[in-house]
Amino acid sequence: MKSLNKQQLLEDIMELNIKNAAIVDTNDILFSSQVRKYCEMNQCGKYGVNWACPPGVGPLSTLKEEALEYQQGLVLQTLHIISSSFDWKGMMAAKEAHEKVLRLALGLVKERYEITETLLLGAGSCEICASCSYEENQPCRYPDKALASLEAYGIDVVSLTKHCNMPYHHGANTVSYVGLILFKSP
């Protein structure tokens, strides 16, 4: 395994249409039960119907413990232009583009830097399947592709972006998404 050149990793990542990127120690990530309570409010409609969302994703204590098994994380933020702050289609297209970039970044981390022990967390609910097998009381169809969110893990995204000196808001007619690749230090 190569030794990790963090600066080179960040430079390589920025070539993937990333607005901001930073490396953070997992001990500096704020996990909050309040974030999970927002999930329980179910404004997105995915609570209790998706394996990658609460409660299917698991209890916060277990997820936090899992995340902290990794020493570092690569925080990635993408920025997208939308027609207005009510442009739901634009937001969903941006989320899809964000997930593609996250998966490309994960591939780069694994291939170029030979980091194999990773955990990828995205923004919002997993959308791989049109209808999640959770509702059918069946196991996840694609556990290796399923993408839980930072919020499902109780991660305070506003605090995380602030810690990484990233703006959370980028102005009118924009939407930004944050992803996280947790990894074990080489």
N, C-alpha and C. Protein backbone atom coordinates (compact mmCIF):
# COMPACT_ATOMS: atom_id res chain seq x y z
N MET A 1 0.84 -1.18 0.00
CA MET A 1 0.00 0.00 0.00
C MET A 1 0.88 1.25 0.00
N LYS A 2 0.50 2.22 -0.81
CA LYS A 2 1.23 3.49 -0.86
C LYS A 2 1.02 4.27 0.42
N SER A 3 2.01 5.13 0.75
CA SER A 3 1.73 6.06 1.85
C SER A 3 0.84 7.16 1.27
N LEU A 4 0.00 7.70 2.11
CA LEU A 4 -0.99 8.65 1.64
C LEU A 4 -0.44 10.06 1.60
N ASN A 5 -0.40 10.62 0.40
CA ASN A 5 -0.05 12.02 0.21
C ASN A 5 -1.38 12.78 0.16
N LYS A 6 -1.76 13.36 1.30
CA LYS A 6 -3.07 13.99 1.42
C LYS A 6 -3.25 15.15 0.45
N GLN A 7 -2.21 15.95 0.27
CA GLN A 7 -2.31 17.09 -0.65
C GLN A 7 -2.55 16.61 -2.07
N GLN A 8 -1.84 15.56 -2.48
CA GLN A 8 -2.03 15.03 -3.83
C GLN A 8 -3.42 14.43 -3.99
N LEU A 9 -3.90 13.75 -2.95
CA LEU A 9 -5.25 13.19 -2.99
C LEU A 9 -6.27 14.31 -3.20
N LEU A 10 -6.15 15.40 -2.45
CA LEU A 10 -7.08 16.51 -2.60
C LEU A 10 -7.00 17.13 -4.00
N GLU A 11 -5.79 17.26 -4.53
CA GLU A 11 -5.64 17.79 -5.88
C GLU A 11 -6.29 16.87 -6.91
N ASP A 12 -6.08 15.58 -6.76
CA ASP A 12 -6.68 14.61 -7.69
C ASP A 12 -8.21 14.65 -7.61
N ILE A 13 -8.73 14.74 -6.41
CA ILE A 13 -10.18 14.76 -6.20
C ILE A 13 -10.81 15.99 -6.85
N MET A 14 -10.14 17.12 -6.77
CA MET A 14 -10.70 18.36 -7.30
C MET A 14 -10.91 18.30 -8.81
N GLU A 15 -10.27 17.37 -9.47
CA GLU A 15 -10.45 17.21 -10.91
C GLU A 15 -11.78 16.53 -11.26
N LEU A 16 -12.52 16.09 -10.27
CA LEU A 16 -13.77 15.36 -10.49
C LEU A 16 -15.02 16.23 -10.38
N ASN A 17 -14.90 17.50 -10.60
CA ASN A 17 -16.04 18.42 -10.51
C ASN A 17 -16.53 18.58 -9.06
N ILE A 18 -15.57 18.64 -8.17
CA ILE A 18 -15.82 18.86 -6.75
C ILE A 18 -15.62 20.35 -6.48
N LYS A 19 -16.52 20.94 -5.73
CA LYS A 19 -16.37 22.36 -5.37
C LYS A 19 -15.38 22.52 -4.24
N ASN A 20 -15.52 21.70 -3.20
CA ASN A 20 -14.64 21.76 -2.03
C ASN A 20 -14.33 20.35 -1.55
N ALA A 21 -13.12 20.17 -1.06
CA ALA A 21 -12.72 18.88 -0.50
C ALA A 21 -11.78 19.12 0.67
N ALA A 22 -11.88 18.25 1.66
CA ALA A 22 -11.00 18.34 2.82
C ALA A 22 -10.88 16.96 3.45
N ILE A 23 -9.80 16.77 4.18
CA ILE A 23 -9.62 15.53 4.94
C ILE A 23 -9.81 15.88 6.41
N VAL A 24 -10.59 15.06 7.08
CA VAL A 24 -10.93 15.30 8.48
C VAL A 24 -10.65 14.03 9.28
N ASP A 25 -10.21 14.21 10.51
CA ASP A 25 -10.09 13.08 11.43
C ASP A 25 -11.50 12.73 11.92
N THR A 26 -11.82 11.46 11.99
CA THR A 26 -13.17 11.09 12.39
C THR A 26 -13.50 11.56 13.81
N ASN A 27 -12.49 11.71 14.66
CA ASN A 27 -12.74 12.21 16.01
C ASN A 27 -13.25 13.65 16.01
N ASP A 28 -13.08 14.35 14.89
CA ASP A 28 -13.54 15.74 14.78
C ASP A 28 -14.94 15.84 14.18
N ILE A 29 -15.55 14.71 13.87
CA ILE A 29 -16.90 14.71 13.29
C ILE A 29 -17.92 14.72 14.43
N LEU A 30 -18.89 15.64 14.33
CA LEU A 30 -19.93 15.73 15.34
C LEU A 30 -21.09 14.82 14.97
N PHE A 31 -21.36 13.84 15.83
CA PHE A 31 -22.50 12.95 15.69
C PHE A 31 -23.58 13.47 16.64
N SER A 32 -24.80 13.57 16.15
CA SER A 32 -25.85 14.19 16.95
C SER A 32 -27.15 13.39 16.85
N SER A 33 -27.72 13.09 18.01
CA SER A 33 -29.02 12.42 18.00
C SER A 33 -30.09 13.36 17.45
N GLN A 34 -29.88 14.67 17.55
CA GLN A 34 -30.83 15.64 17.02
C GLN A 34 -30.95 15.52 15.50
N VAL A 35 -29.84 15.24 14.83
CA VAL A 35 -29.87 15.06 13.37
C VAL A 35 -30.78 13.89 13.02
N ARG A 36 -30.65 12.81 13.77
CA ARG A 36 -31.51 11.64 13.52
C ARG A 36 -32.98 11.96 13.81
N LYS A 37 -33.24 12.85 14.74
CA LYS A 37 -34.62 13.24 15.04
C LYS A 37 -35.24 13.95 13.83
N TYR A 38 -34.44 14.67 13.07
CA TYR A 38 -34.94 15.29 11.84
C TYR A 38 -35.39 14.20 10.87
N CYS A 39 -34.63 13.11 10.83
CA CYS A 39 -35.04 11.98 9.98
C CYS A 39 -36.41 11.46 10.41
N GLU A 40 -36.60 11.35 11.70
CA GLU A 40 -37.86 10.82 12.24
C GLU A 40 -39.04 11.72 11.88
N MET A 41 -38.79 13.00 11.64
CA MET A 41 -39.87 13.92 11.24
C MET A 41 -40.38 13.57 9.85
N ASN A 42 -39.57 12.83 9.09
CA ASN A 42 -39.96 12.23 7.81
C ASN A 42 -40.44 13.22 6.74
N GLN A 43 -39.80 14.36 6.66
CA GLN A 43 -40.18 15.32 5.63
C GLN A 43 -39.85 14.81 4.23
N CYS A 44 -38.88 13.93 4.12
CA CYS A 44 -38.51 13.38 2.80
C CYS A 44 -39.37 12.17 2.42
N GLY A 45 -40.08 11.59 3.40
CA GLY A 45 -40.92 10.44 3.13
C GLY A 45 -40.17 9.12 3.08
N LYS A 46 -38.92 9.09 3.50
CA LYS A 46 -38.12 7.86 3.42
C LYS A 46 -37.93 7.16 4.76
N TYR A 47 -38.38 7.78 5.85
CA TYR A 47 -38.24 7.15 7.16
C TYR A 47 -39.10 5.89 7.20
N GLY A 48 -38.48 4.78 7.55
CA GLY A 48 -39.21 3.53 7.69
C GLY A 48 -39.56 2.84 6.39
N VAL A 49 -39.01 3.30 5.27
CA VAL A 49 -39.31 2.67 3.98
C VAL A 49 -38.05 2.43 3.14
N ASN A 50 -36.87 2.63 3.73
CA ASN A 50 -35.63 2.53 2.96
C ASN A 50 -34.54 1.96 3.87
N TRP A 51 -33.82 0.96 3.38
CA TRP A 51 -32.76 0.32 4.16
C TRP A 51 -31.65 1.29 4.56
N ALA A 52 -31.41 2.32 3.77
CA ALA A 52 -30.31 3.24 4.03
C ALA A 52 -30.74 4.42 4.91
N CYS A 53 -31.99 4.43 5.34
CA CYS A 53 -32.52 5.48 6.20
C CYS A 53 -32.96 4.86 7.52
N PRO A 54 -33.10 5.69 8.55
CA PRO A 54 -33.61 5.16 9.81
C PRO A 54 -35.05 4.67 9.64
N PRO A 55 -35.46 3.71 10.38
CA PRO A 55 -34.68 2.93 11.33
C PRO A 55 -33.92 1.76 10.69
N GLY A 56 -34.19 1.49 9.40
CA GLY A 56 -33.58 0.34 8.72
C GLY A 56 -32.07 0.35 8.71
N VAL A 57 -31.45 1.53 8.64
CA VAL A 57 -30.00 1.63 8.56
C VAL A 57 -29.33 1.21 9.87
N GLY A 58 -30.08 1.23 10.96
CA GLY A 58 -29.54 0.80 12.24
C GLY A 58 -29.54 1.91 13.26
N PRO A 59 -29.29 1.54 14.53
CA PRO A 59 -29.29 2.55 15.60
C PRO A 59 -28.07 3.47 15.50
N LEU A 60 -28.27 4.69 15.92
CA LEU A 60 -27.21 5.70 15.85
C LEU A 60 -25.94 5.24 16.57
N SER A 61 -26.07 4.62 17.71
CA SER A 61 -24.88 4.20 18.47
C SER A 61 -24.04 3.21 17.67
N THR A 62 -24.69 2.29 16.98
CA THR A 62 -23.98 1.30 16.16
C THR A 62 -23.31 1.96 14.97
N LEU A 63 -24.03 2.89 14.32
CA LEU A 63 -23.48 3.57 13.15
C LEU A 63 -22.30 4.46 13.52
N LYS A 64 -22.41 5.15 14.64
CA LYS A 64 -21.30 5.99 15.11
C LYS A 64 -20.07 5.13 15.39
N GLU A 65 -20.29 4.01 16.06
CA GLU A 65 -19.19 3.08 16.36
C GLU A 65 -18.54 2.59 15.06
N GLU A 66 -19.37 2.24 14.07
CA GLU A 66 -18.86 1.81 12.78
C GLU A 66 -18.03 2.91 12.12
N ALA A 67 -18.55 4.12 12.11
CA ALA A 67 -17.84 5.24 11.47
C ALA A 67 -16.51 5.52 12.15
N LEU A 68 -16.49 5.42 13.46
CA LEU A 68 -15.26 5.72 14.19
C LEU A 68 -14.20 4.63 14.08
N GLU A 69 -14.53 3.50 13.44
CA GLU A 69 -13.51 2.49 13.14
C GLU A 69 -12.54 3.01 12.07
N TYR A 70 -12.98 4.01 11.32
CA TYR A 70 -12.15 4.64 10.31
C TYR A 70 -11.48 5.86 10.95
N GLN A 71 -10.22 6.09 10.61
CA GLN A 71 -9.50 7.18 11.25
C GLN A 71 -9.73 8.54 10.57
N GLN A 72 -9.97 8.49 9.27
CA GLN A 72 -10.08 9.76 8.54
C GLN A 72 -11.24 9.72 7.55
N GLY A 73 -11.60 10.89 7.09
CA GLY A 73 -12.65 11.00 6.10
C GLY A 73 -12.31 12.05 5.07
N LEU A 74 -12.72 11.80 3.86
CA LEU A 74 -12.57 12.75 2.77
C LEU A 74 -13.94 13.38 2.56
N VAL A 75 -14.05 14.66 2.91
CA VAL A 75 -15.30 15.39 2.80
C VAL A 75 -15.35 16.02 1.42
N LEU A 76 -16.43 15.76 0.70
CA LEU A 76 -16.56 16.25 -0.68
C LEU A 76 -17.85 17.05 -0.82
N GLN A 77 -17.75 18.22 -1.40
CA GLN A 77 -18.91 19.06 -1.62
C GLN A 77 -19.02 19.40 -3.10
N THR A 78 -20.20 19.16 -3.66
CA THR A 78 -20.46 19.55 -5.04
C THR A 78 -21.44 20.71 -5.04
N LEU A 79 -21.36 21.53 -6.06
CA LEU A 79 -22.22 22.70 -6.19
C LEU A 79 -22.92 22.65 -7.54
N HIS A 80 -24.21 22.94 -7.52
CA HIS A 80 -25.02 22.84 -8.73
C HIS A 80 -25.90 24.07 -8.88
N ILE A 81 -26.06 24.54 -10.11
CA ILE A 81 -26.95 25.66 -10.42
C ILE A 81 -28.33 25.08 -10.70
N ILE A 82 -29.34 25.68 -10.09
CA ILE A 82 -30.73 25.29 -10.33
C ILE A 82 -31.52 26.54 -10.72
N SER A 83 -32.71 26.35 -11.28
CA SER A 83 -33.46 27.50 -11.80
C SER A 83 -34.05 28.37 -10.70
N SER A 84 -34.36 27.80 -9.53
CA SER A 84 -34.88 28.56 -8.40
C SER A 84 -34.77 27.70 -7.15
N SER A 85 -35.06 28.30 -6.01
CA SER A 85 -34.98 27.53 -4.77
C SER A 85 -36.12 26.53 -4.65
N PHE A 86 -37.06 26.55 -5.61
CA PHE A 86 -38.17 25.59 -5.63
C PHE A 86 -38.01 24.56 -6.75
N ASP A 87 -36.86 24.52 -7.39
CA ASP A 87 -36.61 23.64 -8.53
C ASP A 87 -36.30 22.22 -8.05
N TRP A 88 -37.35 21.48 -7.70
CA TRP A 88 -37.19 20.12 -7.16
C TRP A 88 -36.52 19.20 -8.16
N LYS A 89 -36.93 19.28 -9.43
CA LYS A 89 -36.30 18.43 -10.47
C LYS A 89 -34.81 18.73 -10.57
N GLY A 90 -34.47 20.00 -10.53
CA GLY A 90 -33.06 20.40 -10.58
C GLY A 90 -32.28 19.88 -9.38
N MET A 91 -32.91 19.93 -8.22
CA MET A 91 -32.25 19.42 -7.00
C MET A 91 -32.01 17.92 -7.09
N MET A 92 -32.98 17.18 -7.61
CA MET A 92 -32.84 15.73 -7.72
C MET A 92 -31.81 15.36 -8.79
N ALA A 93 -31.76 16.12 -9.87
CA ALA A 93 -30.74 15.89 -10.90
C ALA A 93 -29.36 16.19 -10.32
N ALA A 94 -29.28 17.24 -9.51
CA ALA A 94 -28.01 17.60 -8.88
C ALA A 94 -27.57 16.52 -7.89
N LYS A 95 -28.54 15.96 -7.15
CA LYS A 95 -28.22 14.88 -6.20
C LYS A 95 -27.68 13.66 -6.95
N GLU A 96 -28.29 13.35 -8.08
CA GLU A 96 -27.82 12.22 -8.90
C GLU A 96 -26.41 12.48 -9.41
N ALA A 97 -26.15 13.70 -9.87
CA ALA A 97 -24.80 14.06 -10.34
C ALA A 97 -23.80 13.97 -9.19
N HIS A 98 -24.22 14.42 -8.01
CA HIS A 98 -23.37 14.36 -6.81
C HIS A 98 -22.97 12.92 -6.50
N GLU A 99 -23.95 12.02 -6.54
CA GLU A 99 -23.67 10.62 -6.24
C GLU A 99 -22.71 10.00 -7.26
N LYS A 100 -22.84 10.37 -8.52
CA LYS A 100 -21.90 9.88 -9.54
C LYS A 100 -20.49 10.33 -9.23
N VAL A 101 -20.36 11.60 -8.83
CA VAL A 101 -19.03 12.13 -8.48
C VAL A 101 -18.49 11.42 -7.25
N LEU A 102 -19.34 11.17 -6.26
CA LEU A 102 -18.90 10.46 -5.06
C LEU A 102 -18.36 9.07 -5.41
N ARG A 103 -19.07 8.38 -6.27
CA ARG A 103 -18.63 7.03 -6.65
C ARG A 103 -17.33 7.07 -7.47
N LEU A 104 -17.18 8.09 -8.31
CA LEU A 104 -15.91 8.28 -9.03
C LEU A 104 -14.77 8.55 -8.04
N ALA A 105 -15.04 9.40 -7.06
CA ALA A 105 -14.04 9.72 -6.04
C ALA A 105 -13.66 8.47 -5.25
N LEU A 106 -14.65 7.67 -4.91
CA LEU A 106 -14.37 6.42 -4.18
C LEU A 106 -13.49 5.51 -5.02
N GLY A 107 -13.79 5.41 -6.31
CA GLY A 107 -12.97 4.60 -7.21
C GLY A 107 -11.54 5.10 -7.26
N LEU A 108 -11.37 6.40 -7.32
CA LEU A 108 -10.03 7.00 -7.36
C LEU A 108 -9.27 6.67 -6.07
N VAL A 109 -9.93 6.83 -4.93
CA VAL A 109 -9.30 6.55 -3.64
C VAL A 109 -8.86 5.09 -3.57
N LYS A 110 -9.71 4.19 -4.03
CA LYS A 110 -9.39 2.77 -3.96
C LYS A 110 -8.31 2.36 -4.95
N GLU A 111 -8.42 2.87 -6.17
CA GLU A 111 -7.48 2.44 -7.22
C GLU A 111 -6.14 3.16 -7.14
N ARG A 112 -6.16 4.47 -7.15
CA ARG A 112 -4.92 5.22 -7.20
C ARG A 112 -4.17 5.22 -5.89
N TYR A 113 -4.92 5.20 -4.79
CA TYR A 113 -4.28 5.28 -3.47
C TYR A 113 -4.31 3.96 -2.71
N GLU A 114 -4.90 2.94 -3.34
CA GLU A 114 -4.91 1.60 -2.80
C GLU A 114 -5.50 1.53 -1.39
N ILE A 115 -6.51 2.35 -1.14
CA ILE A 115 -7.21 2.35 0.14
C ILE A 115 -8.45 1.49 -0.06
N THR A 116 -8.48 0.36 0.59
CA THR A 116 -9.57 -0.59 0.34
C THR A 116 -10.65 -0.57 1.42
N GLU A 117 -10.30 -0.17 2.62
CA GLU A 117 -11.27 -0.16 3.72
C GLU A 117 -11.91 1.21 3.79
N THR A 118 -13.12 1.31 3.22
CA THR A 118 -13.81 2.59 3.12
C THR A 118 -15.29 2.44 3.48
N LEU A 119 -15.89 3.57 3.77
CA LEU A 119 -17.33 3.66 3.95
C LEU A 119 -17.77 4.94 3.27
N LEU A 120 -18.64 4.81 2.29
CA LEU A 120 -19.14 5.96 1.52
C LEU A 120 -20.50 6.39 2.06
N LEU A 121 -20.62 7.67 2.37
CA LEU A 121 -21.88 8.25 2.83
C LEU A 121 -22.24 9.39 1.91
N GLY A 122 -23.52 9.46 1.55
CA GLY A 122 -23.96 10.47 0.59
C GLY A 122 -24.91 11.48 1.21
N ALA A 123 -25.73 12.05 0.35
CA ALA A 123 -26.71 13.07 0.75
C ALA A 123 -28.11 12.53 0.50
N GLY A 124 -28.94 12.55 1.51
CA GLY A 124 -30.31 12.09 1.32
C GLY A 124 -30.41 10.58 1.25
N SER A 125 -31.59 10.13 0.89
CA SER A 125 -31.87 8.70 0.90
C SER A 125 -31.26 7.98 -0.31
N CYS A 126 -31.09 6.68 -0.15
CA CYS A 126 -30.62 5.84 -1.24
C CYS A 126 -31.73 5.76 -2.29
N GLU A 127 -31.36 5.90 -3.54
CA GLU A 127 -32.34 5.90 -4.63
C GLU A 127 -31.99 4.87 -5.71
N ILE A 128 -31.20 3.87 -5.37
CA ILE A 128 -30.77 2.89 -6.37
C ILE A 128 -31.96 2.14 -6.95
N CYS A 129 -32.87 1.72 -6.09
CA CYS A 129 -34.05 0.97 -6.55
C CYS A 129 -35.26 1.89 -6.60
N ALA A 130 -36.12 1.66 -7.56
CA ALA A 130 -37.36 2.45 -7.66
C ALA A 130 -38.21 2.26 -6.41
N SER A 131 -38.19 1.06 -5.87
CA SER A 131 -38.91 0.79 -4.62
C SER A 131 -38.00 -0.10 -3.78
N CYS A 132 -37.75 0.34 -2.56
CA CYS A 132 -36.82 -0.37 -1.68
C CYS A 132 -37.44 -1.65 -1.15
N SER A 133 -36.62 -2.69 -1.07
CA SER A 133 -37.08 -3.99 -0.56
C SER A 133 -37.42 -3.93 0.93
N TYR A 134 -37.06 -2.85 1.59
CA TYR A 134 -37.41 -2.68 3.01
C TYR A 134 -38.92 -2.77 3.20
N GLU A 135 -39.66 -2.17 2.27
CA GLU A 135 -41.12 -2.16 2.37
C GLU A 135 -41.71 -3.55 2.18
N GLU A 136 -40.95 -4.44 1.53
CA GLU A 136 -41.40 -5.81 1.29
C GLU A 136 -40.88 -6.76 2.37
N ASN A 137 -40.20 -6.19 3.38
CA ASN A 137 -39.61 -6.97 4.45
C ASN A 137 -38.58 -7.98 3.91
N GLN A 138 -37.86 -7.55 2.87
CA GLN A 138 -36.83 -8.37 2.24
C GLN A 138 -35.47 -7.68 2.41
N PRO A 139 -34.37 -8.44 2.34
CA PRO A 139 -33.04 -7.82 2.45
C PRO A 139 -32.79 -6.84 1.30
N CYS A 140 -31.86 -5.95 1.53
CA CYS A 140 -31.45 -4.99 0.50
C CYS A 140 -30.99 -5.75 -0.74
N ARG A 141 -31.45 -5.33 -1.91
CA ARG A 141 -31.08 -5.99 -3.16
C ARG A 141 -29.62 -5.74 -3.53
N TYR A 142 -29.11 -4.58 -3.18
CA TYR A 142 -27.76 -4.17 -3.57
C TYR A 142 -26.97 -3.61 -2.39
N PRO A 143 -26.67 -4.44 -1.40
CA PRO A 143 -25.99 -3.91 -0.20
C PRO A 143 -24.62 -3.29 -0.50
N ASP A 144 -23.95 -3.73 -1.57
CA ASP A 144 -22.65 -3.16 -1.90
C ASP A 144 -22.77 -1.82 -2.62
N LYS A 145 -23.96 -1.51 -3.12
CA LYS A 145 -24.17 -0.24 -3.83
C LYS A 145 -25.01 0.74 -3.02
N ALA A 146 -25.75 0.25 -2.04
CA ALA A 146 -26.63 1.11 -1.25
C ALA A 146 -25.84 2.25 -0.64
N LEU A 147 -26.46 3.41 -0.56
CA LEU A 147 -25.76 4.60 -0.09
C LEU A 147 -26.55 5.29 1.01
N ALA A 148 -26.08 5.13 2.25
CA ALA A 148 -26.70 5.82 3.38
C ALA A 148 -26.19 7.26 3.39
N SER A 149 -26.93 8.10 4.07
CA SER A 149 -26.54 9.51 4.13
C SER A 149 -25.76 9.82 5.39
N LEU A 150 -25.08 10.95 5.36
CA LEU A 150 -24.41 11.44 6.56
C LEU A 150 -25.43 11.62 7.68
N GLU A 151 -26.61 12.13 7.33
CA GLU A 151 -27.65 12.38 8.33
C GLU A 151 -28.14 11.08 8.96
N ALA A 152 -28.26 10.02 8.17
CA ALA A 152 -28.68 8.73 8.71
C ALA A 152 -27.69 8.25 9.78
N TYR A 153 -26.41 8.61 9.61
CA TYR A 153 -25.38 8.27 10.58
C TYR A 153 -25.32 9.28 11.73
N GLY A 154 -26.22 10.28 11.69
CA GLY A 154 -26.27 11.28 12.75
C GLY A 154 -25.20 12.35 12.63
N ILE A 155 -24.58 12.46 11.46
CA ILE A 155 -23.51 13.44 11.28
C ILE A 155 -24.11 14.81 10.99
N ASP A 156 -23.67 15.79 11.77
CA ASP A 156 -24.11 17.17 11.61
C ASP A 156 -23.33 17.77 10.44
N VAL A 157 -24.00 17.88 9.29
CA VAL A 157 -23.34 18.31 8.05
C VAL A 157 -22.92 19.78 8.14
N VAL A 158 -23.74 20.61 8.77
CA VAL A 158 -23.39 22.04 8.91
C VAL A 158 -22.10 22.17 9.72
N SER A 159 -22.02 21.45 10.83
CA SER A 159 -20.81 21.47 11.66
C SER A 159 -19.61 20.92 10.89
N LEU A 160 -19.83 19.86 10.12
CA LEU A 160 -18.75 19.25 9.35
C LEU A 160 -18.19 20.23 8.31
N THR A 161 -19.07 20.88 7.57
CA THR A 161 -18.59 21.84 6.56
C THR A 161 -17.88 23.02 7.23
N LYS A 162 -18.39 23.45 8.35
CA LYS A 162 -17.75 24.56 9.07
C LYS A 162 -16.36 24.15 9.52
N HIS A 163 -16.24 22.94 10.08
CA HIS A 163 -14.94 22.43 10.53
C HIS A 163 -13.94 22.38 9.37
N CYS A 164 -14.45 22.10 8.18
CA CYS A 164 -13.59 21.97 6.99
C CYS A 164 -13.44 23.29 6.23
N ASN A 165 -13.92 24.38 6.81
CA ASN A 165 -13.86 25.71 6.18
C ASN A 165 -14.54 25.75 4.82
N MET A 166 -15.66 25.04 4.71
CA MET A 166 -16.46 25.05 3.49
C MET A 166 -17.74 25.83 3.76
N PRO A 167 -18.15 26.68 2.84
CA PRO A 167 -19.45 27.33 3.03
C PRO A 167 -20.56 26.29 2.90
N TYR A 168 -21.60 26.45 3.69
CA TYR A 168 -22.74 25.54 3.59
C TYR A 168 -23.70 26.03 2.51
N HIS A 169 -23.90 27.33 2.45
CA HIS A 169 -24.75 27.95 1.43
C HIS A 169 -23.87 28.66 0.41
N HIS A 170 -24.30 28.62 -0.84
CA HIS A 170 -23.52 29.23 -1.92
C HIS A 170 -24.31 30.28 -2.69
N GLY A 171 -25.42 30.71 -2.16
CA GLY A 171 -26.18 31.78 -2.80
C GLY A 171 -27.41 31.29 -3.53
N ALA A 172 -28.13 32.25 -4.08
CA ALA A 172 -29.40 31.98 -4.77
C ALA A 172 -29.19 31.06 -5.96
N ASN A 173 -30.21 30.26 -6.22
CA ASN A 173 -30.25 29.37 -7.38
C ASN A 173 -29.10 28.37 -7.42
N THR A 174 -28.68 27.95 -6.24
CA THR A 174 -27.66 26.90 -6.16
C THR A 174 -28.11 25.87 -5.12
N VAL A 175 -27.60 24.69 -5.28
CA VAL A 175 -27.76 23.66 -4.26
C VAL A 175 -26.41 22.95 -4.15
N SER A 176 -25.99 22.69 -2.92
CA SER A 176 -24.74 21.95 -2.73
C SER A 176 -25.05 20.69 -1.93
N TYR A 177 -24.28 19.67 -2.22
CA TYR A 177 -24.42 18.40 -1.52
C TYR A 177 -23.07 18.01 -0.95
N VAL A 178 -23.10 17.31 0.17
CA VAL A 178 -21.89 16.88 0.84
C VAL A 178 -21.89 15.36 0.93
N GLY A 179 -20.74 14.78 0.64
CA GLY A 179 -20.52 13.35 0.80
C GLY A 179 -19.28 13.13 1.64
N LEU A 180 -19.09 11.90 2.08
CA LEU A 180 -17.98 11.58 2.93
C LEU A 180 -17.48 10.18 2.63
N ILE A 181 -16.19 10.08 2.38
CA ILE A 181 -15.55 8.78 2.23
C ILE A 181 -14.71 8.56 3.47
N LEU A 182 -15.19 7.70 4.35
CA LEU A 182 -14.39 7.36 5.53
C LEU A 182 -13.39 6.28 5.12
N PHE A 183 -12.18 6.38 5.65
CA PHE A 183 -11.17 5.38 5.30
C PHE A 183 -10.21 5.14 6.46
N LYS A 184 -9.63 3.96 6.43
CA LYS A 184 -8.63 3.61 7.43
C LYS A 184 -7.29 4.08 6.92
N SER A 185 -6.55 4.74 7.79
CA SER A 185 -5.26 5.31 7.40
C SER A 185 -4.30 4.21 6.98
N PRO A 186 -3.64 4.44 5.84
CA PRO A 186 -2.66 3.45 5.37
C PRO A 186 -1.46 3.38 6.29
